[in-house]
C-alpha atoms as a PDB file:
ATOM      1  CA  MET A   1     159.932  95.374  49.899  1.00  0.00           C
ATOM      2  CA  GLN A   2     163.046  96.374  51.812  1.00  0.00           C
ATOM      3  CA  ARG A   3     163.757  94.268  54.928  1.00  0.00           C
ATOM      4  CA  LYS A   4     164.553  95.754  58.364  1.00  0.00           C
ATOM      5  CA  ARG A   5     168.085  95.556  59.638  1.00  0.00           C
ATOM      6  CA  TYR A   6     168.989  93.316  62.623  1.00  0.00           C
ATOM      7  CA  ALA A   7     170.421  95.276  65.525  1.00  0.00           C
ATOM      8  CA  PRO A   8     172.139  93.228  68.287  1.00  0.00           C
ATOM      9  CA  GLY A   9     170.942  94.039  71.875  1.00  0.00           C
ATOM     10  CA  HIS A  10     167.536  95.278  70.852  1.00  0.00           C
ATOM     11  CA  ALA A  11     164.565  92.997  71.320  1.00  0.00           C
ATOM     12  CA  GLY A  12     161.404  93.447  69.519  1.00  0.00           C
ATOM     13  CA  PRO A  13     157.886  93.258  70.979  1.00  0.00           C
ATOM     14  CA  THR A  14     157.760  89.507  70.536  1.00  0.00           C
ATOM     15  CA  ALA A  15     161.021  88.953  72.370  1.00  0.00           C
ATOM     16  CA  ARG A  16     160.021  91.209  75.235  1.00  0.00           C
ATOM     17  CA  THR A  17     156.771  89.327  75.597  1.00  0.00           C
ATOM     18  CA  ALA A  18     158.654  85.997  75.801  1.00  0.00           C
ATOM     19  CA  VAL A  19     160.943  87.387  78.501  1.00  0.00           C
ATOM     20  CA  VAL A  20     157.989  88.560  80.587  1.00  0.00           C
ATOM     21  CA  LEU A  21     156.234  85.220  80.251  1.00  0.00           C
ATOM     22  CA  THR A  22     159.396  83.370  81.232  1.00  0.00           C
ATOM     23  CA  SER A  23     159.764  85.500  84.339  1.00  0.00           C
ATOM     24  CA  VAL A  24     156.154  84.987  85.353  1.00  0.00           C
ATOM     25  CA  LEU A  25     156.402  81.238  84.875  1.00  0.00           C
ATOM     26  CA  GLY A  26     159.626  81.082  86.835  1.00  0.00           C
ATOM     27  CA  LEU A  27     158.041  83.013  89.693  1.00  0.00           C
ATOM     28  CA  GLY A  28     155.017  80.765  89.669  1.00  0.00           C
ATOM     29  CA  LEU A  29     157.119  77.632  89.757  1.00  0.00           C
ATOM     30  CA  GLY A  30     159.132  79.090  92.584  1.00  0.00           C
ATOM     31  CA  LEU A  31     155.985  79.836  94.542  1.00  0.00           C
ATOM     32  CA  GLY A  32     154.690  76.351  93.847  1.00  0.00           C
ATOM     33  CA  LEU A  33     157.862  74.757  95.091  1.00  0.00           C
ATOM     34  CA  THR A  34     157.812  76.928  98.147  1.00  0.00           C
ATOM     35  CA  GLY A  35     154.222  75.927  98.830  1.00  0.00           C
ATOM     36  CA  CYS A  36     155.090  72.222  98.561  1.00  0.00           C
ATOM     37  CA  SER A  37     158.036  72.625 100.871  1.00  0.00           C
ATOM     38  CA  ALA A  38     155.944  74.459 103.435  1.00  0.00           C
ATOM     39  CA  GLY A  39     153.251  71.776 103.255  1.00  0.00           C
ATOM     40  CA  ALA A  40     155.588  68.930 104.240  1.00  0.00           C
ATOM     41  CA  PRO A  41     155.404  69.556 108.031  1.00  0.00           C
ATOM     42  CA  ALA A  42     151.612  69.621 107.853  1.00  0.00           C
ATOM     43  CA  ASP A  43     151.658  66.195 106.223  1.00  0.00           C
ATOM     44  CA  ASP A  44     153.982  64.914 108.945  1.00  0.00           C
ATOM     45  CA  VAL A  45     151.627  66.176 111.641  1.00  0.00           C
ATOM     46  CA  THR A  46     148.784  64.333 109.959  1.00  0.00           C
ATOM     47  CA  VAL A  47     150.744  61.065 110.021  1.00  0.00           C
ATOM     48  CA  ASP A  48     151.692  61.491 113.703  1.00  0.00           C
ATOM     49  CA  ALA A  49     148.087  62.246 114.615  1.00  0.00           C
ATOM     50  CA  LYS A  50     147.013  58.910 113.196  1.00  0.00           C
ATOM     51  CA  ALA A  51     149.415  56.999 115.525  1.00  0.00           C
ATOM     52  CA  GLY A  52     147.734  55.583 118.658  1.00  0.00           C
ATOM     53  CA  PRO A  53     148.600  56.750 122.183  1.00  0.00           C
ATOM     54  CA  ALA A  54     151.580  55.197 123.934  1.00  0.00           C
ATOM     55  CA  ALA A  55     150.827  52.026 125.924  1.00  0.00           C
ATOM     56  CA  PRO A  56     150.375  52.856 129.619  1.00  0.00           C
ATOM     57  CA  VAL A  57     153.053  51.601 131.985  1.00  0.00           C
ATOM     58  CA  VAL A  58     151.615  49.662 134.946  1.00  0.00           C
ATOM     59  CA  PRO A  59     152.617  50.917 138.408  1.00  0.00           C
ATOM     60  CA  PRO A  60     155.230  48.963 140.403  1.00  0.00           C
ATOM     61  CA  GLY A  61     154.294  46.576 143.186  1.00  0.00           C
ATOM     62  CA  ARG A  62     153.376  47.745 146.646  1.00  0.00           C
ATOM     63  CA  TYR A  63     156.493  46.321 148.289  1.00  0.00           C
ATOM     64  CA  ARG A  64     160.056  47.321 147.403  1.00  0.00           C
ATOM     65  CA  THR A  65     161.878  45.555 150.259  1.00  0.00           C
ATOM     66  CA  LEU A  66     161.366  42.604 152.620  1.00  0.00           C
ATOM     67  CA  PHE A  67     161.573  42.273 156.384  1.00  0.00           C
ATOM     68  CA  GLU A  68     164.300  40.321 158.177  1.00  0.00           C
ATOM     69  CA  PRO A  69     162.875  36.769 158.483  1.00  0.00           C
ATOM     70  CA  CYS A  70     164.637  35.229 161.491  1.00  0.00           C
ATOM     71  CA  GLY A  71     163.632  38.149 163.706  1.00  0.00           C
ATOM     72  CA  SER A  72     160.057  38.292 162.459  1.00  0.00           C
ATOM     73  CA  VAL A  73     158.711  35.524 164.727  1.00  0.00           C
ATOM     74  CA  PRO A  74     158.376  36.443 168.445  1.00  0.00           C
ATOM     75  CA  GLN A  75     160.131  34.151 170.894  1.00  0.00           C
ATOM     76  CA  ALA A  76     156.842  33.390 172.643  1.00  0.00           C
ATOM     77  CA  THR A  77     155.522  32.026 169.336  1.00  0.00           C
ATOM     78  CA  LEU A  78     158.683  29.998 168.779  1.00  0.00           C
ATOM     79  CA  LYS A  79     158.315  28.438 172.232  1.00  0.00           C
ATOM     80  CA  ASP A  80     154.837  27.272 171.265  1.00  0.00           C
ATOM     81  CA  LEU A  81     155.933  25.964 167.863  1.00  0.00           C
ATOM     82  CA  LEU A  82     159.143  24.307 169.134  1.00  0.00           C
ATOM     83  CA  PRO A  83     158.194  22.679 172.451  1.00  0.00           C
ATOM     84  CA  GLY A  84     161.286  20.476 172.417  1.00  0.00           C
ATOM     85  CA  ALA A  85     163.589  23.493 172.687  1.00  0.00           C
ATOM     86  CA  ALA A  86     162.648  24.084 176.326  1.00  0.00           C
ATOM     87  CA  SER A  87     164.563  20.981 177.446  1.00  0.00           C
ATOM     88  CA  LEU A  88     167.742  21.838 175.517  1.00  0.00           C
ATOM     89  CA  PRO A  89     170.861  23.307 177.138  1.00  0.00           C
ATOM     90  CA  ASP A  90     170.945  27.106 177.149  1.00  0.00           C
ATOM     91  CA  ALA A  91     173.328  27.440 174.209  1.00  0.00           C
ATOM     92  CA  GLU A  92     171.385  24.997 172.028  1.00  0.00           C
ATOM     93  CA  ARG A  93     168.052  26.519 173.021  1.00  0.00           C
ATOM     94  CA  ASP A  94     169.224  30.013 172.093  1.00  0.00           C
ATOM     95  CA  LYS A  95     170.512  28.695 168.780  1.00  0.00           C
ATOM     96  CA  ALA A  96     167.188  26.990 168.075  1.00  0.00           C
ATOM     97  CA  TYR A  97     165.277  30.221 168.710  1.00  0.00           C
ATOM     98  CA  ARG A  98     167.662  32.308 166.555  1.00  0.00           C
ATOM     99  CA  GLY A  99     167.021  30.156 163.512  1.00  0.00           C
ATOM    100  CA  THR A 100     169.148  29.768 160.399  1.00  0.00           C
ATOM    101  CA  ALA A 101     168.743  32.275 157.579  1.00  0.00           C
ATOM    102  CA  SER A 102     168.278  30.905 154.075  1.00  0.00           C
ATOM    103  CA  VAL A 103     171.050  31.495 151.560  1.00  0.00           C
ATOM    104  CA  THR A 104     169.977  34.282 149.210  1.00  0.00           C
ATOM    105  CA  TYR A 105     171.720  36.653 146.839  1.00  0.00           C
ATOM    106  CA  ASP A 106     169.203  39.497 147.016  1.00  0.00           C
ATOM    107  CA  THR A 107     167.452  40.109 150.328  1.00  0.00           C
ATOM    108  CA  ASP A 108     165.087  42.557 148.622  1.00  0.00           C
ATOM    109  CA  ARG A 109     163.760  39.756 146.425  1.00  0.00           C
ATOM    110  CA  ARG A 110     163.707  36.662 148.645  1.00  0.00           C
ATOM    111  CA  VAL A 111     164.415  35.811 152.288  1.00  0.00           C
ATOM    112  CA  GLY A 112     163.808  32.842 154.551  1.00  0.00           C
ATOM    113  CA  CYS A 113     164.607  31.237 157.880  1.00  0.00           C
ATOM    114  CA  THR A 114     164.430  27.772 159.461  1.00  0.00           C
ATOM    115  CA  TRP A 115     163.997  26.804 163.125  1.00  0.00           C
ATOM    116  CA  ARG A 116     164.325  23.273 164.484  1.00  0.00           C
ATOM    117  CA  ALA A 117     164.139  21.541 167.861  1.00  0.00           C
ATOM    118  CA  ASP A 118     164.346  17.808 168.561  1.00  0.00           C
ATOM    119  CA  SER A 119     163.349  15.705 171.547  1.00  0.00           C
ATOM    120  CA  PRO A 120     163.578  11.910 172.076  1.00  0.00           C
ATOM    121  CA  ASP A 121     160.104  11.206 170.693  1.00  0.00           C
ATOM    122  CA  THR A 122     159.273  14.204 168.492  1.00  0.00           C
ATOM    123  CA  SER A 123     160.953  16.824 166.380  1.00  0.00           C
ATOM    124  CA  HIS A 124     159.563  20.116 165.077  1.00  0.00           C
ATOM    125  CA  ARG A 125     160.717  22.187 162.160  1.00  0.00           C
ATOM    126  CA  LEU A 126     159.460  25.611 161.081  1.00  0.00           C
ATOM    127  CA  THR A 127     160.410  27.168 157.748  1.00  0.00           C
ATOM    128  CA  LEU A 128     159.542  30.656 156.544  1.00  0.00           C
ATOM    129  CA  ASP A 129     159.935  31.775 152.922  1.00  0.00           C
ATOM    130  CA  VAL A 130     159.114  35.305 151.719  1.00  0.00           C
ATOM    131  CA  GLU A 131     159.331  36.193 148.028  1.00  0.00           C
ATOM    132  CA  ARG A 132     158.872  39.608 146.418  1.00  0.00           C
ATOM    133  CA  VAL A 133     157.806  39.100 142.812  1.00  0.00           C
ATOM    134  CA  VAL A 134     158.865  41.603 140.142  1.00  0.00           C
ATOM    135  CA  SER A 135     157.424  41.692 136.615  1.00  0.00           C
ATOM    136  CA  TYR A 136     159.807  42.628 133.833  1.00  0.00           C
ATOM    137  CA  ASP A 137     156.927  43.186 131.416  1.00  0.00           C
ATOM    138  CA  ALA A 138     155.781  46.822 131.308  1.00  0.00           C
ATOM    139  CA  THR A 139     152.219  45.681 130.552  1.00  0.00           C
ATOM    140  CA  ILE A 140     151.945  43.230 133.495  1.00  0.00           C
ATOM    141  CA  SER A 141     151.945  44.521 137.067  1.00  0.00           C
ATOM    142  CA  ASP A 142     154.038  42.985 139.819  1.00  0.00           C
ATOM    143  CA  ALA A 143     150.868  41.917 141.636  1.00  0.00           C
ATOM    144  CA  ASP A 144     149.520  40.132 138.541  1.00  0.00           C
ATOM    145  CA  ARG A 145     152.814  38.363 138.064  1.00  0.00           C
ATOM    146  CA  ALA A 146     152.779  37.352 141.754  1.00  0.00           C
ATOM    147  CA  GLN A 147     149.281  35.915 141.280  1.00  0.00           C
ATOM    148  CA  SER A 148     150.582  33.722 138.457  1.00  0.00           C
ATOM    149  CA  VAL A 149     153.349  32.420 140.723  1.00  0.00           C
ATOM    150  CA  PHE A 150     150.835  31.815 143.522  1.00  0.00           C
ATOM    151  CA  THR A 151     148.481  29.919 141.194  1.00  0.00           C
ATOM    152  CA  ALA A 152     151.330  27.660 140.075  1.00  0.00           C
ATOM    153  CA  LYS A 153     152.124  26.839 143.712  1.00  0.00           C
ATOM    154  CA  GLN A 154     148.470  26.143 144.443  1.00  0.00           C
ATOM    155  CA  LEU A 155     148.091  23.737 141.530  1.00  0.00           C
ATOM    156  CA  GLU A 156     151.352  22.017 142.450  1.00  0.00           C
ATOM    157  CA  ALA A 157     149.915  21.407 145.922  1.00  0.00           C
ATOM    158  CA  GLY A 158     146.914  19.697 144.296  1.00  0.00           C
ATOM    159  CA  ILE A 159     144.392  22.365 145.306  1.00  0.00           C
ATOM    160  CA  PRO A 160     142.087  23.143 142.355  1.00  0.00           C
ATOM    161  CA  LEU A 161     141.180  26.643 141.306  1.00  0.00           C
ATOM    162  CA  PRO A 162     137.777  27.905 142.465  1.00  0.00           C
ATOM    163  CA  THR A 163     134.925  27.118 140.098  1.00  0.00           C
ATOM    164  CA  THR A 164     133.099  30.199 138.825  1.00  0.00           C
ATOM    165  CA  ALA A 165     130.557  28.467 136.574  1.00  0.00           C
ATOM    166  CA  PRO A 166     128.812  25.074 136.501  1.00  0.00           C
ATOM    167  CA  PRO A 167     130.435  22.508 134.215  1.00  0.00           C
ATOM    168  CA  SER A 168     129.215  22.264 130.661  1.00  0.00           C
ATOM    169  CA  PRO A 169     126.855  19.359 129.893  1.00  0.00           C
ATOM    170  CA  THR A 170     129.369  18.139 127.322  1.00  0.00           C
ATOM    171  CA  ALA A 171     132.000  17.877 130.058  1.00  0.00           C
ATOM    172  CA  THR A 172     129.941  15.467 132.179  1.00  0.00           C
ATOM    173  CA  THR A 173     132.036  12.537 133.343  1.00  0.00           C
ATOM    174  CA  PRO A 174     130.825   9.314 131.701  1.00  0.00           C
ATOM    175  CA  PRO A 175     129.740   6.430 133.931  1.00  0.00           C
ATOM    176  CA  ALA A 176     132.655   4.624 135.483  1.00  0.00           C
ATOM    177  CA  THR A 177     133.501   1.334 133.894  1.00  0.00           C
ATOM    178  CA  THR A 178     136.083  -1.253 134.758  1.00  0.00           C
ATOM    179  CA  PRO A 179     138.987  -0.743 132.366  1.00  0.00           C
ATOM    180  CA  PRO A 180     140.436  -3.762 130.632  1.00  0.00           C
ATOM    181  CA  ALA A 181     143.652  -5.240 131.884  1.00  0.00           C
ATOM    182  CA  SER A 182     146.689  -3.563 130.421  1.00  0.00           C
ATOM    183  CA  THR A 183     148.711  -5.534 127.945  1.00  0.00           C
ATOM    184  CA  THR A 184     151.816  -3.396 128.416  1.00  0.00           C
ATOM    185  CA  GLY A 185     152.582  -4.411 131.986  1.00  0.00           C
ATOM    186  CA  THR A 186     150.943  -1.375 133.614  1.00  0.00           C
ATOM    187  CA  MET A 187     148.579  -2.206 136.467  1.00  0.00           C
ATOM    188  CA  ALA A 188     144.942  -1.387 135.723  1.00  0.00           C
ATOM    189  CA  VAL A 189     143.210   0.950 138.187  1.00  0.00           C
ATOM    190  CA  THR A 190     139.847  -0.171 139.533  1.00  0.00           C
ATOM    191  CA  ALA A 191     137.135   2.367 138.773  1.00  0.00           C
ATOM    192  CA  GLY A 192     135.872   4.354 141.711  1.00  0.00           C
ATOM    193  CA  VAL A 193     139.029   4.057 143.867  1.00  0.00           C
ATOM    194  CA  PRO A 194     140.674   7.486 144.361  1.00  0.00           C
ATOM    195  CA  LEU A 195     144.365   7.789 143.705  1.00  0.00           C
ATOM    196  CA  THR A 196     146.645   8.984 146.494  1.00  0.00           C
ATOM    197  CA  PRO A 197     149.354  11.534 145.590  1.00  0.00           C
ATOM    198  CA  PRO A 198     152.909  10.257 146.115  1.00  0.00           C
ATOM    199  CA  GLY A 199     154.145  10.618 149.675  1.00  0.00           C
ATOM    200  CA  ARG A 200     150.667  10.918 151.212  1.00  0.00           C
ATOM    201  CA  LEU A 201     148.558   8.490 153.130  1.00  0.00           C
ATOM    202  CA  PRO A 202     144.981   7.763 152.036  1.00  0.00           C
ATOM    203  CA  THR A 203     142.292   9.846 153.666  1.00  0.00           C
ATOM    204  CA  THR A 204     140.541   6.811 155.125  1.00  0.00           C
ATOM    205  CA  LYS A 205     141.684   3.674 156.878  1.00  0.00           C
ATOM    206  CA  ALA A 206     142.565   0.783 154.653  1.00  0.00           C
ATOM    207  CA  PRO A 207     139.806  -1.858 154.643  1.00  0.00           C
ATOM    208  CA  THR A 208     140.514  -5.268 156.064  1.00  0.00           C
ATOM    209  CA  THR A 209     140.891  -7.717 153.205  1.00  0.00           C
ATOM    210  CA  GLY A 210     141.330 -10.893 155.211  1.00  0.00           C
ATOM    211  CA  ALA A 211     144.182 -12.906 156.623  1.00  0.00           C
ATOM    212  CA  THR A 212     147.630 -12.524 155.170  1.00  0.00           C
ATOM    213  CA  PRO A 213     148.932 -15.704 153.518  1.00  0.00           C
ATOM    214  CA  PRO A 214     151.655 -17.389 155.543  1.00  0.00           C
ATOM    215  CA  GLY A 215     155.179 -16.368 154.679  1.00  0.00           C
ATOM    216  CA  SER A 216     154.179 -13.100 152.973  1.00  0.00           C
ATOM    217  CA  ALA A 217     154.487  -9.560 154.280  1.00  0.00           C
ATOM    218  CA  ASP A 218     151.376  -7.413 154.376  1.00  0.00           C
ATOM    219  CA  PRO A 219     152.287  -3.686 154.095  1.00  0.00           C
ATOM    220  CA  THR A 220     148.761  -2.728 155.167  1.00  0.00           C
ATOM    221  CA  SER A 221     148.778  -4.812 158.351  1.00  0.00           C
ATOM    222  CA  ALA A 222     149.865  -1.780 160.433  1.00  0.00           C
ATOM    223  CA  PRO A 223     147.010   0.584 161.349  1.00  0.00           C
ATOM    224  CA  THR A 224     146.736   3.472 158.918  1.00  0.00           C
ATOM    225  CA  PRO A 225     145.868   6.786 160.584  1.00  0.00           C
ATOM    226  CA  THR A 226     143.565   9.214 158.898  1.00  0.00           C
ATOM    227  CA  ALA A 227     145.686  11.517 156.729  1.00  0.00           C
ATOM    228  CA  THR A 228     143.522  14.589 157.235  1.00  0.00           C
ATOM    229  CA  PRO A 229     140.269  14.717 159.232  1.00  0.00           C
ATOM    230  CA  THR A 230     137.107  15.821 157.514  1.00  0.00           C
ATOM    231  CA  GLY A 231     136.906  19.599 157.327  1.00  0.00           C
ATOM    232  CA  LEU A 232     140.663  20.017 157.591  1.00  0.00           C
ATOM    233  CA  GLU A 233     141.611  18.862 154.113  1.00  0.00           C
ATOM    234  CA  PRO A 234     143.896  21.001 151.910  1.00  0.00           C
ATOM    235  CA  ARG A 235     141.801  23.996 150.913  1.00  0.00           C
ATOM    236  CA  LEU A 236     141.620  27.676 150.045  1.00  0.00           C
ATOM    237  CA  LEU A 237     141.546  30.211 152.889  1.00  0.00           C
ATOM    238  CA  ASP A 238     139.477  33.390 152.768  1.00  0.00           C
ATOM    239  CA  ASP A 239     140.740  35.151 155.887  1.00  0.00           C
ATOM    240  CA  LEU A 240     144.396  35.686 155.038  1.00  0.00           C
ATOM    241  CA  GLY A 241     145.992  38.129 152.609  1.00  0.00           C
ATOM    242  CA  GLU A 242     144.400  38.617 149.204  1.00  0.00           C
ATOM    243  CA  VAL A 243     144.485  34.900 148.356  1.00  0.00           C
ATOM    244  CA  ALA A 244     145.667  31.953 150.449  1.00  0.00           C
ATOM    245  CA  TYR A 245     145.585  28.177 150.724  1.00  0.00           C
ATOM    246  CA  LEU A 246     146.520  25.470 153.242  1.00  0.00           C
ATOM    247  CA  ASP A 247     148.111  22.121 152.494  1.00  0.00           C
ATOM    248  CA  ASP A 248     148.297  19.181 154.917  1.00  0.00           C
ATOM    249  CA  ALA A 249     150.121  15.900 154.296  1.00  0.00           C
ATOM    250  CA  LEU A 250     150.851  12.903 156.538  1.00  0.00           C
ATOM    251  CA  SER A 251     153.472  10.282 155.731  1.00  0.00           C
ATOM    252  CA  ARG A 252     155.221   7.385 157.450  1.00  0.00           C
ATOM    253  CA  VAL A 253     158.807   7.613 158.688  1.00  0.00           C
ATOM    254  CA  GLY A 254     160.515   4.327 159.334  1.00  0.00           C
ATOM    255  CA  ALA A 255     158.589   1.421 160.825  1.00  0.00           C
ATOM    256  CA  ASN A 256     156.420   3.274 163.364  1.00  0.00           C
ATOM    257  CA  GLY A 257     157.122   6.976 162.875  1.00  0.00           C
ATOM    258  CA  HIS A 258     154.878   9.563 161.266  1.00  0.00           C
ATOM    259  CA  GLN A 259     155.454  13.010 159.854  1.00  0.00           C
ATOM    260  CA  ARG A 260     152.829  15.672 159.256  1.00  0.00           C
ATOM    261  CA  SER A 261     153.636  18.748 157.187  1.00  0.00           C
ATOM    262  CA  VAL A 262     151.319  21.762 157.117  1.00  0.00           C
ATOM    263  CA  SER A 263     151.926  24.664 154.740  1.00  0.00           C
ATOM    264  CA  VAL A 264     150.078  27.977 154.677  1.00  0.00           C
ATOM    265  CA  VAL A 265     150.740  30.136 151.609  1.00  0.00           C
ATOM    266  CA  PHE A 266     149.287  33.606 151.057  1.00  0.00           C
ATOM    267  CA  ARG A 267     149.806  36.553 148.745  1.00  0.00           C
ATOM    268  CA  THR A 268     149.577  40.251 149.549  1.00  0.00           C
ATOM    269  CA  SER A 269     150.126  42.428 146.477  1.00  0.00           C
ATOM    270  CA  ASN A 270     153.479  41.329 145.007  1.00  0.00           C
ATOM    271  CA  VAL A 271     154.743  39.379 148.062  1.00  0.00           C
ATOM    272  CA  ILE A 272     154.158  35.644 148.612  1.00  0.00           C
ATOM    273  CA  VAL A 273     154.671  34.202 152.104  1.00  0.00           C
ATOM    274  CA  THR A 274     155.001  30.474 152.797  1.00  0.00           C
ATOM    275  CA  VAL A 275     154.830  29.086 156.348  1.00  0.00           C
ATOM    276  CA  SER A 276     155.798  25.398 156.576  1.00  0.00           C
ATOM    277  CA  TYR A 277     155.377  23.636 159.917  1.00  0.00           C
ATOM    278  CA  ARG A 278     156.383  19.996 160.353  1.00  0.00           C
ATOM    279  CA  GLU A 279     156.155  17.586 163.271  1.00  0.00           C
ATOM    280  CA  GLN A 280     157.694  14.136 163.256  1.00  0.00           C
ATOM    281  CA  THR A 281     157.077  11.376 165.805  1.00  0.00           C
ATOM    282  CA  THR A 282     159.045   8.213 166.396  1.00  0.00           C
ATOM    283  CA  GLY A 283     158.498   4.934 168.218  1.00  0.00           C
ATOM    284  CA  SER A 284     155.173   4.572 169.968  1.00  0.00           C
ATOM    285  CA  ALA A 285     154.254   8.277 169.830  1.00  0.00           C
ATOM    286  CA  GLU A 286     150.947   9.047 168.161  1.00  0.00           C
ATOM    287  CA  ALA A 287     150.761  10.673 164.752  1.00  0.00           C
ATOM    288  CA  PRO A 288     150.846  14.492 164.884  1.00  0.00           C
ATOM    289  CA  ASP A 289     147.454  16.113 165.279  1.00  0.00           C
ATOM    290  CA  SER A 290     146.262  17.856 162.118  1.00  0.00           C
ATOM    291  CA  LYS A 291     144.050  20.455 163.815  1.00  0.00           C
ATOM    292  CA  GLU A 292     146.750  21.572 166.233  1.00  0.00           C
ATOM    293  CA  LEU A 293     149.414  22.005 163.563  1.00  0.00           C
ATOM    294  CA  GLN A 294     147.041  23.850 161.233  1.00  0.00           C
ATOM    295  CA  GLU A 295     146.010  26.298 163.953  1.00  0.00           C
ATOM    296  CA  LYS A 296     149.606  27.071 164.859  1.00  0.00           C
ATOM    297  CA  ALA A 297     150.642  27.560 161.238  1.00  0.00           C
ATOM    298  CA  ARG A 298     147.654  29.800 160.488  1.00  0.00           C
ATOM    299  CA  ASN A 299     148.246  31.917 163.587  1.00  0.00           C
ATOM    300  CA  LEU A 300     151.828  32.552 162.523  1.00  0.00           C
ATOM    301  CA  ALA A 301     150.707  33.364 158.980  1.00  0.00           C
ATOM    302  CA  ARG A 302     148.247  35.969 160.341  1.00  0.00           C
ATOM    303  CA  LEU A 303     151.032  37.525 162.403  1.00  0.00           C
ATOM    304  CA  LEU A 304     153.218  37.836 159.320  1.00  0.00           C
ATOM    305  CA  ALA A 305     150.345  39.277 157.285  1.00  0.00           C
ATOM    306  CA  GLU A 306     149.982  41.979 159.920  1.00  0.00           C
ATOM    307  CA  ARG A 307     153.720  42.574 159.699  1.00  0.00           C
ATOM    308  CA  LEU A 308     153.379  43.297 155.994  1.00  0.00           C
ATOM    309  CA  GLU A 309     150.695  45.892 156.711  1.00  0.00           C
ATOM    310  CA  GLU A 310     152.948  47.907 159.039  1.00  0.00           C
END
């Protein structure tokens, strides 16, 4: 049988079929690649949809600035709080009523003022501190941060947090027993006798224990005044700001002098106001009256709370 000649440039049926198949496959692959490329954004959208919503940013505090402290107390109120100023020469009296501003580097964050007037037997001092608390955590509001600062002040003053639930039976205090004497040199505390915070007098008069041995000094021989009358102890207040407390402490000054310090602290939103009122007596003057000082300090605190609402 005679074979067919090979002619360059001419493809037979088999070759043409291969060319067509190659073209179809190439087109299909191209379409497939195009489809994959077009599907990438859809996959990205699916991934983004699975992400949770952005954390909400808490609103800022109610207060952005603070009032001028030394001019915030009316002169009529200062005359009541500083009775000794009335007998001072005109220049000294005016200076006492003007007060002395606290040193501060940002008057939008913290301000304060102090007034003082002395007389031969007594001296009075009034201190005002106003702090605007700012939270630098986007998830904690300024007011919540201010509450944390207020709680720390309250606990430092020795005023416990309010109890919201009865104590657990497992937390019941065991019966008091007399502890054994310490072998390390520390004095043992007799069970049932309350401890007095440093700088404060006990809340009751010291009992008479008998005659003092000759030649020895008895530190309790002088009469001990009641530190804080019943009903006027340091406590929480429910008629001032959002939260408030009052602290009252009496201490001795020198041989016969006494000093009573009353502090009223309250919070309104992200601002904390502290009113500290102190009276000191010398010589034979009686110890400062707790009720009188507390009323004066609370009245001033109410006035300042109203000032914040303006």
